[in-house]
């Protein structure tokens, strides 16, 4: 069932629905197109449209922001507690151990909340996502980006990469 999407959002929605129905047997061919400068009118693409597009991506995905946030909070608490317990160790080793256990906790709890069979591939993919987000955050800090902006940018990158890299069976798609 289609929502009230139009334009490029309609294409995204159709592609998602066809993929859910036909799986990997559904193939798409890309036809190259060269964009030219606009002759008449102005683009309607602004912050509001980008937010609408992001919301549509979340709606069409099987990703649950509330369940992910619950997993993230619990995983962060576990990581923090472990870091404090191991605080007499080498700080680098202590950090690595607490981060790894935190990641393991986030992924496990998210899979349990989503009703997904625990799969090792999610751990490897989530590590990729998390470490890319951390690297972006560190680069932004080094470039003297304000902390709030660095956290927002790295958080958005992490969310978008999670949606793209960590896929869940289309049979459990739900609306946020």
Protein backbone atom coordinates (compact mmCIF):
# COMPACT_ATOMS: atom_id res chain seq x y z
CA UNK A 1 0.00 0.00 0.00
CA UNK A 2 1.51 3.31 -1.08
CA UNK A 3 1.53 6.43 1.05
CA UNK A 4 1.05 9.93 -0.33
CA UNK A 5 4.60 10.04 -1.71
CA UNK A 6 5.35 11.92 -4.90
CA UNK A 7 8.38 12.34 -7.18
CA UNK A 8 11.62 10.77 -6.02
CA UNK A 9 9.93 9.60 -2.78
CA UNK A 10 7.42 7.62 -4.82
CA UNK A 11 10.27 5.89 -6.65
CA UNK A 12 11.90 4.96 -3.32
CA UNK A 13 8.62 3.59 -2.01
CA UNK A 14 7.92 1.57 -5.17
CA UNK A 15 11.42 0.10 -5.19
CA UNK A 16 11.07 -0.91 -1.54
CA UNK A 17 7.67 -2.51 -2.05
CA UNK A 18 8.84 -4.43 -5.14
CA UNK A 19 11.92 -5.64 -3.25
CA UNK A 20 9.73 -6.86 -0.38
CA UNK A 21 7.42 -8.67 -2.80
CA UNK A 22 9.99 -10.12 -5.23
CA UNK A 23 13.21 -10.14 -3.18
CA UNK A 24 16.50 -10.38 -5.01
CA UNK A 25 14.79 -11.58 -8.20
CA UNK A 26 13.58 -8.00 -8.74
CA UNK A 27 16.18 -6.23 -10.89
CA UNK A 28 16.50 -2.56 -11.76
CA UNK A 29 18.42 -0.98 -14.57
CA UNK A 30 19.87 2.49 -14.15
CA UNK A 31 19.57 4.82 -17.10
CA UNK A 32 22.16 7.60 -16.92
CA UNK A 33 20.87 11.13 -17.00
CA UNK A 34 22.78 14.41 -17.16
CA UNK A 35 21.30 17.18 -15.05
CA UNK A 36 21.41 20.64 -16.53
CA UNK A 37 20.96 24.00 -14.85
CA UNK A 38 17.35 24.87 -14.17
CA UNK A 39 15.94 27.32 -16.73
CA UNK A 40 12.57 28.12 -15.07
CA UNK A 41 11.47 28.14 -11.43
CA UNK A 42 13.34 27.13 -8.31
CA UNK A 43 14.07 23.80 -6.72
CA UNK A 44 11.69 22.66 -3.97
CA UNK A 45 14.48 20.65 -2.38
CA UNK A 46 15.15 22.13 1.03
CA UNK A 47 15.56 21.04 4.64
CA UNK A 48 11.86 20.12 4.91
CA UNK A 49 12.06 17.80 1.87
CA UNK A 50 15.24 16.18 3.19
CA UNK A 51 13.55 15.52 6.54
CA UNK A 52 10.50 14.07 4.76
CA UNK A 53 12.79 11.81 2.73
CA UNK A 54 14.63 10.62 5.85
CA UNK A 55 11.30 9.90 7.56
CA UNK A 56 10.15 7.90 4.53
CA UNK A 57 13.37 5.88 4.59
CA UNK A 58 12.75 5.08 8.27
CA UNK A 59 9.10 4.25 7.57
CA UNK A 60 9.96 1.91 4.71
CA UNK A 61 12.79 0.21 6.54
CA UNK A 62 12.31 -2.38 9.18
CA UNK A 63 14.41 -0.31 11.51
CA UNK A 64 12.89 0.69 14.86
CA UNK A 65 14.32 3.88 16.31
CA UNK A 66 12.75 3.37 19.78
CA UNK A 67 14.03 -0.21 20.04
CA UNK A 68 17.44 0.86 18.80
CA UNK A 69 17.56 3.68 21.35
CA UNK A 70 16.63 1.28 24.17
CA UNK A 71 19.40 -1.06 23.00
CA UNK A 72 21.84 1.84 22.74
CA UNK A 73 21.06 3.11 26.25
CA UNK A 74 21.42 -0.34 27.82
CA UNK A 75 24.62 -1.02 25.86
CA UNK A 76 26.04 2.34 26.92
CA UNK A 77 25.26 1.62 30.57
CA UNK A 78 26.91 -1.80 30.32
CA UNK A 79 29.99 -0.25 28.67
CA UNK A 80 30.18 2.51 31.29
CA UNK A 81 29.86 0.08 34.22
CA UNK A 82 32.48 -2.24 32.77
CA UNK A 83 34.81 0.72 32.15
CA UNK A 84 34.49 1.70 35.82
CA UNK A 85 35.07 -1.88 37.02
CA UNK A 86 38.20 -2.18 34.87
CA UNK A 87 39.46 1.35 35.62
CA UNK A 88 42.64 0.07 37.30
CA UNK A 89 43.76 -1.51 34.00
CA UNK A 90 45.56 0.16 31.11
CA UNK A 91 43.15 2.89 29.86
CA UNK A 92 43.37 1.79 26.23
CA UNK A 93 42.68 -1.88 27.06
CA UNK A 94 39.92 -0.83 29.44
CA UNK A 95 38.31 1.31 26.72
CA UNK A 96 38.53 -1.41 24.06
CA UNK A 97 37.00 -4.06 26.33
CA UNK A 98 34.17 -1.78 27.49
CA UNK A 99 33.41 -0.61 23.93
CA UNK A 100 33.35 -4.15 22.57
CA UNK A 101 31.04 -5.40 25.32
CA UNK A 102 28.85 -2.33 24.81
CA UNK A 103 28.58 -3.06 21.06
CA UNK A 104 27.85 -6.72 21.72
CA UNK A 105 25.11 -5.73 24.18
CA UNK A 106 23.51 -3.19 21.81
CA UNK A 107 23.34 -5.67 18.94
CA UNK A 108 22.10 -8.57 21.04
CA UNK A 109 19.36 -6.55 22.75
CA UNK A 110 18.25 -4.98 19.45
CA UNK A 111 17.97 -8.38 17.79
CA UNK A 112 16.03 -9.73 20.78
CA UNK A 113 13.66 -6.72 20.81
CA UNK A 114 13.08 -7.11 17.06
CA UNK A 115 12.42 -10.84 17.44
CA UNK A 116 15.35 -11.74 15.22
CA UNK A 117 17.42 -14.88 15.54
CA UNK A 118 20.86 -13.85 16.82
CA UNK A 119 23.30 -13.79 13.89
CA UNK A 120 27.05 -13.28 14.01
CA UNK A 121 27.04 -11.23 10.78
CA UNK A 122 25.24 -8.38 12.59
CA UNK A 123 28.11 -8.05 15.04
CA UNK A 124 30.68 -7.63 12.27
CA UNK A 125 28.51 -5.18 10.33
CA UNK A 126 27.69 -3.16 13.40
CA UNK A 127 31.39 -2.88 14.24
CA UNK A 128 31.98 -1.43 10.79
CA UNK A 129 29.19 1.11 11.28
CA UNK A 130 30.27 2.06 14.79
CA UNK A 131 33.94 2.49 13.99
CA UNK A 132 33.21 4.59 10.89
CA UNK A 133 30.98 6.84 13.04
CA UNK A 134 33.73 7.09 15.69
CA UNK A 135 36.33 7.93 13.01
CA UNK A 136 34.07 10.67 11.60
CA UNK A 137 33.52 12.05 15.09
CA UNK A 138 37.26 12.11 15.79
CA UNK A 139 38.01 13.83 12.47
CA UNK A 140 35.37 16.46 13.22
CA UNK A 141 36.82 17.04 16.70
CA UNK A 142 40.29 17.45 15.19
CA UNK A 143 38.84 19.98 12.72
CA UNK A 144 37.57 22.02 15.70
CA UNK A 145 33.93 21.32 14.88
CA UNK A 146 31.61 22.17 17.79
CA UNK A 147 30.86 19.06 19.87
CA UNK A 148 27.10 19.17 19.27
CA UNK A 149 27.54 19.34 15.50
CA UNK A 150 30.17 16.56 15.53
CA UNK A 151 27.83 14.32 17.55
CA UNK A 152 24.88 15.09 15.27
CA UNK A 153 26.83 14.42 12.08
CA UNK A 154 28.38 11.19 13.37
CA UNK A 155 24.98 10.08 14.73
CA UNK A 156 23.28 10.70 11.38
CA UNK A 157 26.05 8.86 9.55
CA UNK A 158 25.72 5.96 11.98
CA UNK A 159 21.93 5.85 11.49
CA UNK A 160 22.16 5.99 7.69
CA UNK A 161 24.91 3.35 7.57
CA UNK A 162 22.92 1.14 9.92
CA UNK A 163 19.88 1.38 7.66
CA UNK A 164 22.01 0.52 4.61
CA UNK A 165 24.38 -2.11 6.00
CA UNK A 166 22.45 -3.95 8.70
CA UNK A 167 19.44 -5.35 6.88
CA UNK A 168 16.70 -7.36 8.49
CA UNK A 169 14.30 -9.72 6.75
CA UNK A 170 11.54 -7.74 4.94
CA UNK A 171 8.93 -10.02 6.48
CA UNK A 172 9.24 -8.16 9.79
CA UNK A 173 8.91 -4.64 8.38
CA UNK A 174 6.89 -2.36 10.65
CA UNK A 175 5.99 1.31 10.74
CA UNK A 176 7.74 3.41 13.36
